Amino acid sequence: MFNKFVEKLKNIFSSHKIDEAFFEELEDTLIEGDLGARLTDEVIQTLRKEAKEEKASTVEDLQRIMKDLLSSYVKTSSVELDPSGLNVFLILGVNGVGKTTSIAKMANYYTKRGKKVLLAAADTFRAAAVDQLDIHAKRLNMRIVKQSTGSDPGAVVYDALSSAIAQNDDLILADTAGRMHNKENLMKELQKIDKIISNRGIKPECYRKYLVIDATTGQNGLSQAMLFNSAVKLDGVILTKYDSASKGGALVQIGQALGLPIVFVGTGETYDDIHPFDKDEFLDALVGLEEK
């Protein structure tokens, strides 16, 4: 994962002595890897200071110091369901990031762990989204609540809540629109759905709002997170295309700017290709520690 970015970091760590040229090239690479100018400057200054204080003399010393630095920005969160009531995951994200497929993978993940899962096709703005989720539901032999294209998304969620409560389900996974006529309409629609869920008595600890981000989008991922977080306070991020040659730095930025944990990562095409985020694995790969 993050192949190109990781290879550049590895080359810097392995081909330089620890001098000014090393820090300058490292700084350029971190900015190119979407860590952002401000955060990169903070990391470089702290790395200089700690490398000097700890008398770092090897590549491994610097990599471990850098891993510790970035660790404070990368957040994780438990994927376990709250057993005290019906859990509701509102899944958000712009079109094209793999949102509906991620919902199907999560449904499969929890079903295999003995949970009763209901899908809610609340992206009624786009006909293909309802059809796509319906196809996944059939393949997974899973219940779904849906209405016709153009229906009120809030009504779909309301019906899903009623059905899940009646059937004693453990989890609702609700798809939402990623695009409408303008951003303001989209954000208002999401806020309306958010209010419907809260008003139906779902406990705060059982309700989570997750944003799906394509791991290859880099800086756009942070912009998307800030936009959706401003509308409905997010609880975490789900990454798709995590097995590709993405840059990785934006994930650190999301953690630093918004304090959002990475929850799940999608690593392939099948329903089983989703896993809880492994912080150590990610950071080891990012600083080039995973293969020795």
Foldseek 3Di string as FASTA:
>chain_A
DLVVLLVQLVCLLPVDWPDPVSLVSVLVSLVVLQLNNVNSVVLSVVLVVVCVVVVPGHSVSSLVVSLVVLLVLAAFDDPDADPPAAFEEEEAEAPPLCRLVVLLLVCVVVVVVVFQEEEFELALQDQVSQVVNVVSCVVVVHHYQYDHRPDQSLVSLLVRVVVCVVVVGRYYYYYHYNDDPDLVVRLVSVLSNVVSVVVVPDDPSRYFYEYEGEQQPRPVVLVRQVSNCVSPNHAAYEYECPQDSHSLSVSSVNSNVRVHHHAKYAHDDDSNRIDGDDSVVSSCSSNVNPPD
